[in-house]
Amino acid sequence: MTDQGVLFQWTIYEDPSDFPGKWVVRRFSIRRGSAEADPEPMVVTDSLEAARNVIPKGAYCLGRHPEDDPAIYEVWT
């Protein structure tokens, strides 16, 4: 999804070091090859379902890349 030349991606983390035992969604703004995370997570929750519920309708799940940080569960765009 884009907004004035910005591609947005949402990353779902499972058990990240800053929120142990939780699921966290962070939105990234991507401009010309540079990615910047929003200052605060979109959600910190106890379930994958609740995390997925904040991903905008129409977003597409890219899964995860084998070289991603182990806490990354999946990425949406």
N, C-alpha and C. Protein backbone atom coordinates (compact mmCIF):
# COMPACT_ATOMS: atom_id res chain seq x y z
N MET A 1 0.85 -1.17 0.00
CA MET A 1 0.00 0.00 0.00
C MET A 1 0.90 1.23 0.00
N THR A 2 0.50 2.21 -0.77
CA THR A 2 1.33 3.40 -0.88
C THR A 2 0.54 4.65 -0.55
N ASP A 3 1.26 5.70 -0.22
CA ASP A 3 0.69 7.00 0.06
C ASP A 3 1.73 8.03 -0.34
N GLN A 4 1.53 8.70 -1.47
CA GLN A 4 2.45 9.73 -1.94
C GLN A 4 3.90 9.24 -2.03
N GLY A 5 4.10 8.14 -2.73
CA GLY A 5 5.46 7.64 -2.93
C GLY A 5 6.04 6.88 -1.76
N VAL A 6 5.23 6.55 -0.78
CA VAL A 6 5.69 5.80 0.39
C VAL A 6 5.04 4.42 0.36
N LEU A 7 5.85 3.39 0.50
CA LEU A 7 5.35 2.03 0.62
C LEU A 7 5.31 1.70 2.11
N PHE A 8 4.18 1.21 2.57
CA PHE A 8 4.05 0.81 3.98
C PHE A 8 4.16 -0.70 4.09
N GLN A 9 4.88 -1.14 5.10
CA GLN A 9 4.95 -2.55 5.44
C GLN A 9 4.69 -2.70 6.93
N TRP A 10 4.08 -3.82 7.28
CA TRP A 10 3.79 -4.13 8.67
C TRP A 10 4.50 -5.42 9.01
N THR A 11 5.28 -5.39 10.06
CA THR A 11 6.03 -6.56 10.48
C THR A 11 5.45 -7.07 11.79
N ILE A 12 5.15 -8.36 11.81
CA ILE A 12 4.67 -9.02 13.03
C ILE A 12 5.85 -9.75 13.65
N TYR A 13 6.09 -9.44 14.91
CA TYR A 13 7.18 -10.07 15.67
C TYR A 13 6.58 -11.01 16.72
N GLU A 14 7.22 -12.15 16.91
CA GLU A 14 6.85 -13.08 17.96
C GLU A 14 7.96 -13.08 19.01
N ASP A 15 7.62 -12.72 20.24
CA ASP A 15 8.56 -12.74 21.36
C ASP A 15 9.81 -11.88 21.12
N PRO A 16 9.62 -10.61 20.71
CA PRO A 16 10.80 -9.75 20.51
C PRO A 16 11.44 -9.40 21.86
N SER A 17 12.71 -9.03 21.81
CA SER A 17 13.45 -8.77 23.06
C SER A 17 12.87 -7.61 23.87
N ASP A 18 12.23 -6.63 23.21
CA ASP A 18 11.68 -5.50 23.96
C ASP A 18 10.28 -5.77 24.53
N PHE A 19 9.62 -6.85 24.07
CA PHE A 19 8.32 -7.25 24.61
C PHE A 19 8.29 -8.78 24.71
N PRO A 20 9.04 -9.36 25.64
CA PRO A 20 9.12 -10.83 25.75
C PRO A 20 7.73 -11.46 25.95
N GLY A 21 7.52 -12.56 25.23
CA GLY A 21 6.27 -13.30 25.36
C GLY A 21 5.08 -12.69 24.66
N LYS A 22 5.28 -11.62 23.91
CA LYS A 22 4.18 -10.92 23.25
C LYS A 22 4.31 -10.99 21.73
N TRP A 23 3.24 -10.64 21.05
CA TRP A 23 3.21 -10.43 19.61
C TRP A 23 3.18 -8.92 19.41
N VAL A 24 3.99 -8.42 18.49
CA VAL A 24 4.13 -6.98 18.27
C VAL A 24 4.02 -6.69 16.78
N VAL A 25 3.28 -5.62 16.45
CA VAL A 25 3.20 -5.17 15.06
C VAL A 25 3.82 -3.79 14.97
N ARG A 26 4.76 -3.65 14.04
CA ARG A 26 5.39 -2.36 13.78
C ARG A 26 5.18 -2.00 12.30
N ARG A 27 4.84 -0.74 12.06
CA ARG A 27 4.68 -0.27 10.69
C ARG A 27 5.97 0.41 10.25
N PHE A 28 6.36 0.12 9.02
CA PHE A 28 7.54 0.74 8.41
C PHE A 28 7.11 1.55 7.20
N SER A 29 7.72 2.73 7.05
CA SER A 29 7.55 3.56 5.87
C SER A 29 8.80 3.41 5.02
N ILE A 30 8.62 3.03 3.77
CA ILE A 30 9.77 2.79 2.89
C ILE A 30 9.76 3.83 1.78
N ARG A 31 10.85 4.58 1.71
CA ARG A 31 11.02 5.63 0.70
C ARG A 31 12.38 5.44 0.05
N ARG A 32 12.38 5.28 -1.25
CA ARG A 32 13.63 5.19 -2.01
C ARG A 32 14.66 4.26 -1.37
N GLY A 33 14.22 3.08 -0.98
CA GLY A 33 15.16 2.08 -0.45
C GLY A 33 15.50 2.22 1.01
N SER A 34 14.94 3.21 1.70
CA SER A 34 15.22 3.39 3.11
C SER A 34 13.95 3.11 3.92
N ALA A 35 14.06 2.29 4.96
CA ALA A 35 12.91 1.93 5.78
C ALA A 35 13.02 2.58 7.15
N GLU A 36 11.91 3.15 7.59
CA GLU A 36 11.87 3.80 8.90
C GLU A 36 10.65 3.28 9.67
N ALA A 37 10.88 2.77 10.86
CA ALA A 37 9.80 2.27 11.71
C ALA A 37 9.10 3.42 12.41
N ASP A 38 7.79 3.29 12.60
CA ASP A 38 7.07 4.25 13.43
C ASP A 38 7.68 4.21 14.83
N PRO A 39 7.63 5.32 15.56
CA PRO A 39 8.28 5.36 16.88
C PRO A 39 7.70 4.36 17.89
N GLU A 40 6.41 4.06 17.80
CA GLU A 40 5.77 3.14 18.73
C GLU A 40 5.14 1.99 17.96
N PRO A 41 5.08 0.81 18.55
CA PRO A 41 4.39 -0.31 17.89
C PRO A 41 2.91 0.01 17.69
N MET A 42 2.33 -0.58 16.65
CA MET A 42 0.88 -0.42 16.43
C MET A 42 0.09 -1.16 17.49
N VAL A 43 0.63 -2.34 17.89
CA VAL A 43 -0.05 -3.13 18.90
C VAL A 43 0.97 -4.06 19.57
N VAL A 44 0.72 -4.30 20.85
CA VAL A 44 1.44 -5.32 21.62
C VAL A 44 0.34 -6.18 22.21
N THR A 45 0.35 -7.48 21.88
CA THR A 45 -0.77 -8.33 22.25
C THR A 45 -0.31 -9.73 22.63
N ASP A 46 -1.25 -10.54 23.08
CA ASP A 46 -0.94 -11.91 23.49
C ASP A 46 -1.19 -12.95 22.40
N SER A 47 -1.76 -12.52 21.24
CA SER A 47 -2.09 -13.52 20.22
C SER A 47 -1.75 -13.06 18.81
N LEU A 48 -1.43 -14.04 17.97
CA LEU A 48 -1.17 -13.76 16.57
C LEU A 48 -2.43 -13.21 15.90
N GLU A 49 -3.57 -13.75 16.23
CA GLU A 49 -4.82 -13.28 15.64
C GLU A 49 -5.05 -11.79 15.92
N ALA A 50 -4.83 -11.38 17.14
CA ALA A 50 -5.00 -9.96 17.49
C ALA A 50 -3.99 -9.09 16.75
N ALA A 51 -2.77 -9.60 16.58
CA ALA A 51 -1.76 -8.85 15.83
C ALA A 51 -2.20 -8.70 14.37
N ARG A 52 -2.66 -9.78 13.77
CA ARG A 52 -3.09 -9.72 12.37
C ARG A 52 -4.30 -8.81 12.18
N ASN A 53 -5.11 -8.66 13.20
CA ASN A 53 -6.31 -7.82 13.09
C ASN A 53 -6.00 -6.35 12.87
N VAL A 54 -4.80 -5.89 13.17
CA VAL A 54 -4.46 -4.47 12.95
C VAL A 54 -3.85 -4.23 11.57
N ILE A 55 -3.54 -5.31 10.84
CA ILE A 55 -3.01 -5.16 9.48
C ILE A 55 -4.15 -4.68 8.59
N PRO A 56 -3.94 -3.64 7.79
CA PRO A 56 -5.03 -3.14 6.95
C PRO A 56 -5.57 -4.18 5.98
N LYS A 57 -6.88 -4.12 5.76
CA LYS A 57 -7.52 -5.00 4.78
C LYS A 57 -6.89 -4.75 3.42
N GLY A 58 -6.68 -5.79 2.66
CA GLY A 58 -6.08 -5.67 1.34
C GLY A 58 -4.57 -5.81 1.33
N ALA A 59 -3.94 -5.83 2.51
CA ALA A 59 -2.49 -6.03 2.57
C ALA A 59 -2.19 -7.48 2.20
N TYR A 60 -0.99 -7.69 1.71
CA TYR A 60 -0.56 -9.01 1.25
C TYR A 60 0.57 -9.53 2.13
N CYS A 61 0.46 -10.78 2.56
CA CYS A 61 1.49 -11.37 3.41
C CYS A 61 2.66 -11.86 2.57
N LEU A 62 3.84 -11.34 2.85
CA LEU A 62 5.07 -11.75 2.17
C LEU A 62 5.76 -12.91 2.89
N GLY A 63 5.28 -13.26 4.06
CA GLY A 63 5.94 -14.30 4.85
C GLY A 63 7.15 -13.71 5.54
N ARG A 64 8.23 -14.46 5.52
CA ARG A 64 9.48 -13.97 6.09
C ARG A 64 10.62 -14.49 5.26
N HIS A 65 11.73 -13.80 5.30
CA HIS A 65 12.93 -14.17 4.57
C HIS A 65 13.81 -14.98 5.52
N PRO A 66 14.48 -16.03 5.03
CA PRO A 66 15.32 -16.84 5.93
C PRO A 66 16.38 -16.05 6.69
N GLU A 67 16.80 -14.91 6.16
CA GLU A 67 17.82 -14.10 6.83
C GLU A 67 17.25 -13.07 7.80
N ASP A 68 15.91 -13.01 7.93
CA ASP A 68 15.29 -12.08 8.87
C ASP A 68 15.68 -12.40 10.30
N ASP A 69 15.57 -11.40 11.16
CA ASP A 69 15.74 -11.60 12.59
C ASP A 69 14.80 -12.73 13.02
N PRO A 70 15.23 -13.62 13.90
CA PRO A 70 14.38 -14.75 14.32
C PRO A 70 13.05 -14.32 14.92
N ALA A 71 12.95 -13.12 15.47
CA ALA A 71 11.69 -12.66 16.08
C ALA A 71 10.65 -12.27 15.02
N ILE A 72 11.06 -12.05 13.78
CA ILE A 72 10.11 -11.68 12.73
C ILE A 72 9.31 -12.92 12.35
N TYR A 73 7.98 -12.82 12.52
CA TYR A 73 7.10 -13.92 12.18
C TYR A 73 6.63 -13.82 10.74
N GLU A 74 6.23 -12.60 10.32
CA GLU A 74 5.81 -12.37 8.94
C GLU A 74 5.77 -10.88 8.65
N VAL A 75 5.81 -10.56 7.35
CA VAL A 75 5.78 -9.17 6.90
C VAL A 75 4.64 -9.02 5.91
N TRP A 76 3.94 -7.90 6.01
CA TRP A 76 2.80 -7.60 5.15
C TRP A 76 3.06 -6.30 4.40
N THR A 77 2.58 -6.21 3.18
CA THR A 77 2.66 -4.97 2.42
C THR A 77 1.40 -4.73 1.65
